[in-house]
Protein backbone atom coordinates (compact mmCIF):
# COMPACT_ATOMS: atom_id res chain seq x y z
CA MET A 1 39.86 27.61 20.12
CA LYS A 2 39.49 25.90 16.69
CA LEU A 3 38.39 22.73 18.48
CA PHE A 4 35.78 24.74 20.41
CA TYR A 5 34.28 26.17 17.22
CA LEU A 6 34.31 22.78 15.54
CA CYS A 7 32.42 21.29 18.48
CA LEU A 8 30.00 24.23 18.54
CA SER A 9 29.34 23.86 14.79
CA ALA A 10 28.76 20.13 15.16
CA SER A 11 26.41 20.78 18.07
CA LEU A 12 24.43 23.35 16.10
CA LEU A 13 24.24 21.01 13.10
CA LEU A 14 22.99 18.16 15.28
CA SER A 15 20.45 20.48 16.89
CA SER A 16 19.27 21.60 13.45
CA LEU A 17 18.89 18.03 12.24
CA THR A 18 16.97 17.08 15.38
CA ALA A 19 14.65 20.05 15.01
CA SER A 20 14.13 19.18 11.37
CA ALA A 21 13.15 15.61 12.26
CA ALA A 22 10.79 16.85 14.96
CA ASP A 23 9.16 19.22 12.47
CA LYS A 24 8.37 16.49 9.94
CA LEU A 25 4.69 15.82 9.51
CA ASN A 26 3.30 12.59 10.97
CA PHE A 27 0.23 10.88 9.49
CA VAL A 28 -2.68 9.01 11.04
CA PHE A 29 -4.81 7.47 8.31
CA ILE A 30 -8.07 5.94 9.58
CA LEU A 31 -10.15 3.73 7.30
CA ALA A 32 -13.61 2.45 8.20
CA ASP A 33 -15.19 -0.57 6.50
CA ASP A 34 -18.69 -0.24 4.97
CA LEU A 35 -19.47 3.01 6.82
CA GLY A 36 -21.94 5.04 4.78
CA TYR A 37 -21.76 8.74 3.92
CA MET A 38 -24.96 9.35 5.90
CA ASP A 39 -23.88 7.29 8.93
CA VAL A 40 -21.92 10.16 10.53
CA GLY A 41 -23.16 13.27 12.25
CA PHE A 42 -20.91 15.65 10.32
CA ASN A 43 -22.73 14.68 7.11
CA ASN A 44 -26.13 13.89 8.59
CA PRO A 45 -27.18 15.73 11.76
CA LYS A 46 -30.33 13.56 11.86
CA THR A 47 -28.49 10.25 11.86
CA PHE A 48 -29.69 7.63 14.34
CA TYR A 49 -26.06 6.88 15.18
CA GLU A 50 -23.80 8.86 17.49
CA THR A 51 -20.36 9.93 16.27
CA PRO A 52 -19.14 12.72 18.59
CA ASN A 53 -15.42 12.11 18.06
CA LEU A 54 -15.64 12.07 14.28
CA ASP A 55 -17.88 15.12 14.43
CA GLN A 56 -15.25 16.94 16.50
CA LEU A 57 -12.54 15.88 14.04
CA ALA A 58 -14.70 17.43 11.31
CA ILE A 59 -15.07 20.63 13.34
CA ASP A 60 -11.30 20.77 13.73
CA GLY A 61 -10.56 20.00 10.08
CA MET A 62 -11.98 19.96 6.57
CA VAL A 63 -14.79 17.73 5.28
CA PHE A 64 -14.92 16.69 1.63
CA THR A 65 -18.54 16.39 0.54
CA ASN A 66 -17.90 14.87 -2.91
CA PHE A 67 -15.15 12.35 -2.22
CA TYR A 68 -15.25 8.89 -3.78
CA ALA A 69 -13.99 5.40 -3.20
CA ALA A 70 -12.36 4.09 -6.36
CA CYS A 71 -14.79 1.16 -6.22
CA GLN A 72 -18.05 0.18 -4.56
CA VAL A 73 -16.44 -2.80 -2.77
CA CYS A 74 -13.47 -2.97 -0.43
CA SER A 75 -10.27 -4.48 -1.86
CA PRO A 76 -10.10 -2.29 -5.00
CA THR A 77 -10.46 0.88 -2.95
CA ARG A 78 -7.90 -0.29 -0.40
CA ALA A 79 -5.41 -0.99 -3.18
CA SER A 80 -6.05 2.41 -4.79
CA ILE A 81 -5.19 4.23 -1.55
CA LEU A 82 -1.83 2.50 -1.27
CA ASN A 83 -0.81 2.40 -4.94
CA GLY A 84 -2.44 5.55 -6.35
CA LYS A 85 -3.93 3.72 -9.32
CA TYR A 86 -7.45 3.02 -10.52
CA PRO A 87 -8.43 -0.62 -9.94
CA ALA A 88 -9.08 -1.07 -13.67
CA ARG A 89 -5.43 -0.25 -14.41
CA THR A 90 -4.17 -2.99 -12.09
CA ASP A 91 -7.03 -5.47 -12.66
CA THR A 92 -7.91 -5.36 -8.95
CA THR A 93 -11.54 -4.63 -9.70
CA ASN A 94 -13.34 -6.83 -7.15
CA PHE A 95 -12.97 -7.80 -3.53
CA PHE A 96 -10.26 -10.42 -3.55
CA SER A 97 -12.43 -13.45 -2.87
CA GLY A 98 -15.39 -12.41 -5.04
CA ARG A 99 -16.56 -14.92 -7.62
CA ARG A 100 -20.07 -14.51 -9.02
CA ASN A 101 -21.44 -14.73 -12.55
CA GLY A 102 -24.77 -13.33 -13.72
CA LYS A 103 -26.29 -12.91 -17.15
CA PHE A 104 -22.70 -12.95 -18.41
CA GLY A 105 -19.43 -14.09 -16.94
CA ALA A 106 -17.65 -11.67 -14.60
CA ALA A 107 -14.30 -10.26 -15.73
CA THR A 108 -11.07 -11.85 -14.62
CA PHE A 109 -9.16 -9.98 -11.91
CA GLU A 110 -6.09 -10.15 -9.67
CA THR A 111 -6.54 -11.45 -6.14
CA GLN A 112 -3.69 -9.57 -4.49
CA MET A 113 -1.93 -6.23 -4.82
CA ALA A 114 1.26 -6.78 -6.82
CA LEU A 115 4.57 -6.50 -4.98
CA GLU A 116 5.85 -4.44 -7.91
CA GLU A 117 3.67 -1.56 -6.73
CA VAL A 118 5.68 0.94 -4.69
CA THR A 119 3.12 1.63 -2.00
CA LEU A 120 2.58 4.83 -0.07
CA ALA A 121 3.98 3.07 3.00
CA GLU A 122 7.11 2.03 1.12
CA THR A 123 7.71 5.55 -0.13
CA LEU A 124 7.30 7.09 3.32
CA LYS A 125 9.54 4.40 4.76
CA GLU A 126 12.22 5.29 2.19
CA HIS A 127 12.15 8.80 3.62
CA GLY A 128 12.64 7.71 7.22
CA TYR A 129 9.06 7.16 8.37
CA GLN A 130 8.07 4.55 10.93
CA THR A 131 5.14 2.62 9.41
CA PHE A 132 2.45 0.79 11.36
CA PHE A 133 -0.63 -1.08 10.18
CA ALA A 134 -3.55 -2.30 12.28
CA GLY A 135 -6.77 -4.03 11.23
CA LYS A 136 -8.24 -5.20 7.95
CA TRP A 137 -5.87 -5.74 5.01
CA HIS A 138 -7.66 -7.88 2.37
CA LEU A 139 -5.00 -7.14 -0.25
CA GLY A 140 -3.29 -10.51 -0.50
CA ASP A 141 -2.24 -13.59 1.38
CA GLU A 142 1.13 -14.70 2.74
CA GLY A 143 3.92 -12.94 0.89
CA HIS A 144 1.62 -9.99 0.15
CA SER A 145 0.88 -8.89 3.72
CA PRO A 146 1.34 -5.40 5.17
CA THR A 147 4.96 -6.14 6.11
CA ASP A 148 5.61 -7.14 2.49
CA GLN A 149 4.18 -3.83 1.29
CA GLY A 150 6.08 -1.28 3.36
CA PHE A 151 4.77 -1.54 6.92
CA ASP A 152 7.23 -2.20 9.75
CA ILE A 153 4.54 -3.53 12.09
CA ASN A 154 1.31 -5.39 11.35
CA LYS A 155 -1.39 -5.92 13.96
CA GLY A 156 -4.36 -7.85 12.62
CA GLY A 157 -3.90 -7.53 8.87
CA GLY A 158 -3.96 -10.67 6.73
CA SER A 159 -5.60 -12.19 3.69
CA ASN A 160 -8.97 -12.66 5.37
CA GLY A 161 -11.54 -10.00 4.62
CA LEU A 162 -13.60 -10.08 7.80
CA PRO A 163 -13.59 -11.51 11.30
CA ARG A 164 -15.82 -14.42 12.24
CA SER A 165 -16.18 -12.79 15.63
CA TYR A 166 -15.58 -9.30 17.00
CA PHE A 167 -15.04 -10.75 20.47
CA SER A 168 -11.89 -12.43 21.73
CA PRO A 169 -10.74 -15.04 20.94
CA TYR A 170 -10.91 -13.58 17.46
CA LYS A 171 -11.57 -15.93 14.57
CA ASN A 172 -10.25 -15.24 11.09
CA VAL A 173 -8.10 -12.31 12.27
CA GLU A 174 -4.40 -12.81 11.58
CA ASN A 175 -1.34 -11.42 13.37
CA LEU A 176 -3.31 -10.40 16.44
CA PRO A 177 -3.13 -12.67 19.49
CA ALA A 178 -6.38 -13.12 21.40
CA GLY A 179 -6.98 -10.73 24.24
CA PRO A 180 -8.96 -11.20 27.45
CA GLU A 181 -12.25 -13.03 27.04
CA GLY A 182 -14.93 -10.67 25.81
CA GLU A 183 -12.48 -8.05 24.50
CA PHE A 184 -13.99 -6.19 21.53
CA LEU A 185 -11.89 -6.14 18.36
CA THR A 186 -12.50 -2.48 17.55
CA SER A 187 -11.27 -1.48 21.01
CA ARG A 188 -8.24 -3.74 20.68
CA LEU A 189 -7.18 -2.09 17.43
CA ALA A 190 -7.42 1.29 19.14
CA GLU A 191 -5.23 0.00 21.97
CA GLU A 192 -2.60 -1.32 19.55
CA SER A 193 -2.59 2.06 17.80
CA GLU A 194 -2.26 3.92 21.09
CA ASN A 195 0.71 1.75 22.03
CA PHE A 196 2.38 2.44 18.71
CA LEU A 197 1.93 6.19 19.14
CA THR A 198 3.54 6.04 22.57
CA ASP A 199 6.52 4.14 21.18
CA ALA A 200 6.79 6.30 18.06
CA SER A 201 6.82 9.48 20.14
CA LYS A 202 10.15 8.38 21.66
CA SER A 203 11.82 8.43 18.25
CA GLU A 204 12.96 11.40 16.21
CA ASP A 205 11.59 9.75 13.06
CA PRO A 206 8.14 10.70 11.75
CA PHE A 207 5.46 8.03 11.45
CA LEU A 208 2.53 6.72 9.45
CA LEU A 209 -0.17 5.03 11.53
CA TYR A 210 -2.63 3.27 9.22
CA LEU A 211 -5.63 2.16 11.27
CA SER A 212 -7.95 0.07 9.11
CA PHE A 213 -10.99 -0.94 11.13
CA TYR A 214 -12.94 -4.12 10.41
CA SER A 215 -15.99 -2.20 11.62
CA VAL A 216 -18.72 -1.77 10.59
CA HIS A 217 -18.58 -4.80 8.31
CA THR A 218 -20.53 -7.92 9.22
CA PRO A 219 -20.85 -9.91 11.42
CA LEU A 220 -23.20 -7.48 13.15
CA GLN A 221 -21.87 -7.65 16.70
CA ALA A 222 -21.30 -5.09 19.44
CA PRO A 223 -21.06 -4.83 23.24
CA GLU A 224 -24.43 -5.72 24.76
CA GLU A 225 -24.76 -2.54 26.80
CA LEU A 226 -24.41 -0.41 23.65
CA ILE A 227 -26.98 -2.48 21.78
CA LYS A 228 -29.44 -1.96 24.64
CA LYS A 229 -28.73 1.77 24.55
CA TYR A 230 -29.87 1.99 20.93
CA GLU A 231 -32.81 -0.32 21.42
CA GLU A 232 -34.05 2.10 24.05
CA LYS A 233 -33.27 5.06 21.82
CA ALA A 234 -35.34 3.56 19.00
CA LYS A 235 -38.25 3.10 21.39
CA ARG A 236 -37.99 6.71 22.61
CA LEU A 237 -37.99 7.94 19.02
CA GLY A 238 -40.93 5.73 18.15
CA ILE A 239 -39.06 3.98 15.33
CA ALA A 240 -38.67 0.49 16.81
CA ASP A 241 -40.41 -1.87 14.40
CA GLU A 242 -40.08 -5.63 14.46
CA LYS A 243 -40.87 -5.78 10.73
CA GLY A 244 -38.08 -3.36 9.93
CA SER A 245 -38.05 -0.14 7.89
CA PHE A 246 -37.80 -1.67 4.43
CA ASP A 247 -38.90 -0.93 0.92
CA LEU A 248 -39.08 -3.70 -1.67
CA GLU A 249 -37.40 -3.66 -5.06
CA ARG A 250 -36.22 -0.08 -4.59
CA GLU A 251 -33.17 -1.01 -6.64
CA ARG A 252 -33.43 -3.31 -9.63
CA GLN A 253 -32.30 -6.90 -9.20
CA VAL A 254 -29.51 -8.24 -11.38
CA TRP A 255 -29.19 -11.82 -10.28
CA PRO A 256 -31.98 -14.24 -9.25
CA ILE A 257 -33.10 -14.36 -5.65
CA ASP A 258 -36.09 -16.08 -4.12
CA GLU A 259 -37.92 -12.91 -3.10
CA PRO A 260 -37.87 -9.18 -3.88
CA ARG A 261 -34.74 -7.45 -2.61
CA LYS A 262 -35.22 -5.50 0.60
CA VAL A 263 -33.71 -2.04 0.99
CA ARG A 264 -33.54 -0.36 4.38
CA ILE A 265 -35.01 3.12 4.17
CA ARG A 266 -34.49 4.28 7.78
CA GLN A 267 -31.56 4.14 10.17
CA ASP A 268 -32.85 2.16 13.15
CA HIS A 269 -30.66 -0.96 13.54
CA ALA A 270 -29.52 -1.06 17.19
CA THR A 271 -26.56 -3.41 16.75
CA TYR A 272 -25.24 -1.49 13.76
CA ALA A 273 -25.62 1.76 15.72
CA ALA A 274 -23.61 0.23 18.55
CA MET A 275 -20.88 -0.77 16.07
CA VAL A 276 -20.74 2.78 14.72
CA GLU A 277 -20.41 4.22 18.22
CA SER A 278 -17.70 1.68 19.08
CA LEU A 279 -15.73 2.76 16.02
CA ASP A 280 -16.18 6.41 16.91
CA THR A 281 -15.02 5.78 20.48
CA ALA A 282 -11.92 4.01 19.16
CA VAL A 283 -11.13 6.98 16.93
CA GLY A 284 -11.52 9.24 19.94
CA ARG A 285 -9.00 7.18 21.89
CA VAL A 286 -6.38 7.50 19.17
CA LEU A 287 -6.92 11.25 18.86
CA ALA A 288 -6.72 11.65 22.63
CA ARG A 289 -3.40 9.78 22.70
CA LEU A 290 -2.03 12.15 20.06
CA ASP A 291 -2.99 15.07 22.31
CA SER A 292 -1.53 13.52 25.46
CA LEU A 293 1.79 12.94 23.68
CA ASN A 294 1.85 16.52 22.34
CA LEU A 295 1.76 15.20 18.77
CA ARG A 296 -1.38 16.97 17.59
CA ASP A 297 0.32 20.00 16.05
CA ASN A 298 2.63 18.00 13.79
CA THR A 299 0.29 15.13 12.88
CA ALA A 300 -2.16 15.13 9.99
CA VAL A 301 -5.26 12.99 10.52
CA ILE A 302 -7.25 11.61 7.57
CA PHE A 303 -10.49 9.65 7.84
CA MET A 304 -12.37 7.73 5.16
CA SER A 305 -14.60 4.71 4.53
CA ASP A 306 -13.77 2.14 1.83
CA ASN A 307 -17.22 2.00 0.20
CA GLY A 308 -20.84 2.88 0.85
CA GLY A 309 -23.09 1.60 3.61
CA VAL A 310 -24.89 -1.72 3.26
CA SER A 311 -28.63 -1.37 2.78
CA THR A 312 -29.46 -4.07 0.20
CA SER A 313 -28.01 -7.24 1.78
CA GLU A 314 -25.94 -8.68 4.64
CA GLY A 315 -28.54 -7.82 7.24
CA HIS A 316 -29.49 -4.50 5.55
CA PRO A 317 -28.11 -2.65 8.60
CA THR A 318 -28.21 0.98 7.42
CA SER A 319 -29.90 3.43 5.07
CA ASN A 320 -28.03 5.70 2.66
CA LEU A 321 -31.01 7.88 1.73
CA PRO A 322 -31.28 10.35 0.14
CA TYR A 323 -28.47 8.76 -1.85
CA ARG A 324 -29.39 5.90 -4.13
CA GLY A 325 -27.86 2.44 -3.91
CA ALA A 326 -25.41 1.00 -1.44
CA LYS A 327 -22.22 -1.01 -1.19
CA GLY A 328 -21.86 -2.96 -4.43
CA TRP A 329 -23.73 -0.34 -6.50
CA MET A 330 -22.37 2.34 -8.86
CA TYR A 331 -24.85 4.89 -7.51
CA GLU A 332 -23.77 7.51 -4.96
CA GLY A 333 -24.82 5.36 -2.00
CA GLY A 334 -22.12 2.89 -3.01
CA ILE A 335 -19.16 5.15 -3.76
CA ARG A 336 -19.58 8.58 -2.08
CA GLU A 337 -17.63 8.50 1.21
CA PRO A 338 -17.31 10.41 4.48
CA VAL A 339 -13.87 12.07 4.37
CA ILE A 340 -12.06 14.40 6.78
CA PHE A 341 -8.60 16.00 6.64
CA ARG A 342 -7.14 17.64 9.74
CA TRP A 343 -3.82 19.25 8.85
CA PRO A 344 -2.85 21.54 11.74
CA GLY A 345 -1.95 25.04 10.65
CA ILE A 346 -3.12 24.45 7.07
CA THR A 347 -6.72 23.25 6.86
CA ALA A 348 -9.10 25.84 8.23
CA ALA A 349 -11.21 24.41 11.04
CA GLY A 350 -14.84 23.72 10.30
CA THR A 351 -14.57 24.03 6.52
CA ARG A 352 -16.28 21.92 3.86
CA CYS A 353 -14.93 21.35 0.36
CA ASP A 354 -17.37 20.51 -2.43
CA SER A 355 -14.70 19.76 -5.06
CA PRO A 356 -14.60 16.06 -6.02
CA GLY A 357 -11.75 13.78 -5.03
CA VAL A 358 -11.11 10.03 -5.13
CA SER A 359 -9.10 7.52 -3.11
CA THR A 360 -6.21 7.46 -5.62
CA ASP A 361 -5.55 11.08 -4.60
CA PHE A 362 -4.35 10.26 -1.09
CA TYR A 363 -0.92 9.09 -2.25
CA PRO A 364 0.26 12.27 -4.02
CA THR A 365 -1.56 14.45 -1.50
CA ILE A 366 0.25 12.90 1.46
CA LEU A 367 3.61 13.15 -0.29
CA GLU A 368 3.11 16.85 -0.95
CA MET A 369 1.87 17.41 2.59
CA ALA A 370 5.09 15.78 3.84
CA GLY A 371 7.24 17.92 1.56
CA LEU A 372 8.38 14.85 -0.38
CA PRO A 373 8.80 14.50 -4.15
CA ALA A 374 5.92 13.08 -6.14
CA LYS A 375 6.05 9.66 -7.79
CA PRO A 376 3.99 10.30 -10.93
CA ASP A 377 4.87 6.95 -12.49
CA GLN A 378 3.41 5.21 -9.44
CA HIS A 379 0.37 7.27 -8.39
CA VAL A 380 -0.50 7.79 -12.04
CA ASP A 381 -4.24 8.16 -11.35
CA GLY A 382 -3.90 10.34 -8.27
CA VAL A 383 -3.89 14.12 -8.06
CA SER A 384 -2.64 16.12 -5.09
CA LEU A 385 -5.45 17.89 -3.28
CA VAL A 386 -3.14 20.19 -1.32
CA PRO A 387 -4.43 23.31 -3.12
CA LEU A 388 -7.92 22.47 -1.83
CA LEU A 389 -6.63 21.74 1.66
CA ARG A 390 -5.13 25.21 1.68
CA ASN A 391 -8.24 26.83 0.20
CA PRO A 392 -11.41 24.74 -0.26
CA PHE A 393 -12.98 27.52 -2.32
CA SER A 394 -10.23 27.66 -4.94
CA LYS A 395 -11.05 26.90 -8.57
CA TYR A 396 -8.73 23.89 -8.50
CA ASP A 397 -10.13 20.99 -10.55
CA ARG A 398 -8.62 17.52 -10.23
CA GLY A 399 -10.27 16.46 -13.51
CA PRO A 400 -12.69 13.61 -14.29
CA ILE A 401 -12.99 10.58 -12.00
CA PHE A 402 -13.48 7.11 -13.49
CA PHE A 403 -14.95 3.85 -12.20
CA HIS A 404 -15.11 0.33 -13.61
CA TYR A 405 -16.78 -2.68 -12.00
CA PRO A 406 -17.22 -5.60 -14.46
CA HIS A 407 -18.66 -7.87 -11.77
CA TYR A 408 -21.89 -8.97 -10.11
CA ALA A 409 -21.87 -7.67 -6.56
CA ASN A 410 -22.99 -9.77 -3.61
CA GLN A 411 -25.19 -6.82 -2.70
CA GLY A 412 -27.07 -6.90 -6.03
CA GLY A 413 -25.30 -4.15 -7.93
CA PHE A 414 -25.04 -4.46 -11.70
CA PRO A 415 -21.74 -4.45 -13.67
CA ALA A 416 -21.02 -0.90 -14.80
CA SER A 417 -18.51 1.78 -15.68
CA ALA A 418 -18.89 5.44 -14.78
CA VAL A 419 -17.30 8.86 -15.05
CA ARG A 420 -17.88 11.99 -12.99
CA ARG A 421 -16.87 15.30 -14.53
CA GLY A 422 -17.97 18.48 -12.84
CA ASP A 423 -21.55 18.06 -11.65
CA TYR A 424 -22.38 15.33 -14.17
CA LYS A 425 -22.06 11.59 -13.68
CA LEU A 426 -22.51 9.09 -16.51
CA ILE A 427 -23.07 5.39 -15.76
CA GLN A 428 -22.97 2.68 -18.42
CA ASP A 429 -24.57 -0.68 -17.78
CA LEU A 430 -22.10 -3.29 -19.05
CA GLU A 431 -24.85 -5.85 -19.70
CA ASP A 432 -26.63 -3.88 -22.41
CA GLY A 433 -24.61 -0.68 -22.93
CA ALA A 434 -27.42 1.61 -21.70
CA PHE A 435 -26.46 5.00 -20.23
CA GLU A 436 -27.72 6.91 -17.22
CA LEU A 437 -26.76 10.58 -16.88
CA TYR A 438 -27.31 12.54 -13.68
CA ASP A 439 -26.71 16.14 -12.63
CA LEU A 440 -25.54 15.55 -9.07
CA LYS A 441 -25.82 19.21 -8.14
CA THR A 442 -29.58 19.27 -8.70
CA ASP A 443 -30.27 15.55 -8.36
CA PRO A 444 -27.88 13.95 -5.82
CA GLY A 445 -30.33 11.06 -5.37
CA GLU A 446 -29.94 10.09 -9.05
CA HIS A 447 -33.64 9.87 -9.84
CA ASN A 448 -33.80 11.79 -13.15
CA ASN A 449 -31.92 10.18 -16.02
CA LEU A 450 -30.90 12.98 -18.43
CA GLU A 451 -29.40 10.69 -21.05
CA GLN A 452 -31.91 11.82 -23.70
CA LEU A 453 -32.39 15.43 -22.59
CA GLU A 454 -28.63 16.09 -22.42
CA SER A 455 -27.56 13.97 -25.38
CA GLU A 456 -24.46 16.05 -26.18
CA ILE A 457 -23.12 15.73 -22.64
CA THR A 458 -23.88 12.01 -22.77
CA LYS A 459 -21.85 11.68 -25.97
CA GLU A 460 -18.94 13.69 -24.58
CA LEU A 461 -18.73 11.71 -21.35
CA ALA A 462 -19.24 8.39 -23.16
CA ALA A 463 -16.31 9.17 -25.44
CA GLU A 464 -14.19 10.16 -22.44
CA LEU A 465 -15.13 6.97 -20.62
CA ASN A 466 -14.36 4.84 -23.67
CA SER A 467 -10.98 6.49 -24.15
CA TRP A 468 -10.09 5.88 -20.50
CA ARG A 469 -11.13 2.22 -20.59
CA LYS A 470 -8.88 1.66 -23.59
CA GLU A 471 -5.99 3.50 -21.95
CA VAL A 472 -6.07 1.39 -18.78
CA ASP A 473 -6.96 -1.84 -20.61
CA ALA A 474 -10.16 -2.23 -18.60
CA LYS A 475 -11.43 -5.80 -18.64
CA PRO A 476 -14.90 -6.53 -20.09
CA LEU A 477 -17.57 -9.00 -19.07
CA LEU A 478 -17.05 -12.51 -20.44
CA LYS A 479 -19.19 -15.13 -22.09
CA ASN A 480 -21.48 -16.87 -19.63
CA PRO A 481 -19.76 -20.20 -18.94
CA GLU A 482 -23.09 -21.99 -18.53
CA THR A 483 -25.34 -20.49 -21.20
CA GLY A 484 -22.74 -19.28 -23.68
CA ALA A 485 -24.36 -15.80 -23.76
CA GLU A 486 -21.95 -13.19 -25.16
CA PRO A 487 -21.85 -9.67 -23.66
CA PRO A 488 -21.93 -6.63 -25.98
CA VAL A 489 -18.63 -5.12 -27.14
CA LEU A 490 -18.60 -1.61 -25.67
CA TRP A 491 -15.01 -0.43 -26.10
């Protein structure tokens, strides 16, 4: 009889442990590359592009309307997601192959995410999570790859920032064998993710699927039938124009070019539209596989883009209007991102949260969502957004958000620091120290500089920005190596 009860107790304990494992929250984190805030239907019902799967994800979850990338270019933001720190704190302030001087010399920076950082993937792995990475990495070369930073499996992630071709055989894409001739890279990454989900569903361990698309970064390539679809759509809408929908010198130039900088002011690029739809279709495939495996109810899905859409260079494929600027710029068009959280049973479907957040916040937020202890010494610049996920209308305030980009962007953006606190955003030009102050509630397009009219707020935010730059040891511009010109000392 004693043996019977011992066996029964052991059986109940095993059943409890199994149920506990099954109840653990899985995570699917989807990161787009260069996708603008206004490129998706859930933020812009009038967009030229079609994003039905992302729009449905937004209907099923919560959209953040004031969410920021930690930087206006890719690598710094990607690092901030995984390490929970502002790029200025880790000196990862530019994309990891960026080298351009302007009036002054650009600041020095690290070209890979340090192995000493305990990444989000490493922390989840410590707690029994299966970890899978697919797509663009751009956080370091050999020895600093996804599998060196906490991911069990890596499909396509290496040191290279972008593919030379989106069609198989892929060029400049590491750890991903070529597929059938003509296979499209975005579809392949969806397939690899689907396969992982199928395998992961057979285990009792929870998982993190980190799907980091190369799309919609250049080269501008897409399946021909989709390109034709949008060419016809442009004709039907009467917006097809061989000269393009451009304005000249809409943003000021900060390094010499042969002609005035073009800025796209209307979404009408057929190939780019086809790339957006391909990405959306791939997202839909992953979400459908979750449903087919009965994983929807215990899987949180998070979607974001790493920086703003490109409108000032690299083919000028999209428009971010009414937001000013683009990838490479400190204005909203460069750093405000499309963000969705779907946390079954917690986030209310179809809700929108206007409270600001930033990419450093994912780390502590995901840990709290998973019921795991925080790592405040690691995600020192991140704040958990769980209170907002539970109630987007709460008075919860994550505090000021800081930015620092002491570089000359390929897209024309000027070196700058910035802080957003409440509705106000202060930008400081690092070349001359000049300030721009905007009330984003009344002026989201950043047209009316209030630096003089709101001098007290300017002083407060400037002091806060200065204090932060000193705290994180933010790197300044350097002397121009060719002319010897010295930048101003600002902090």
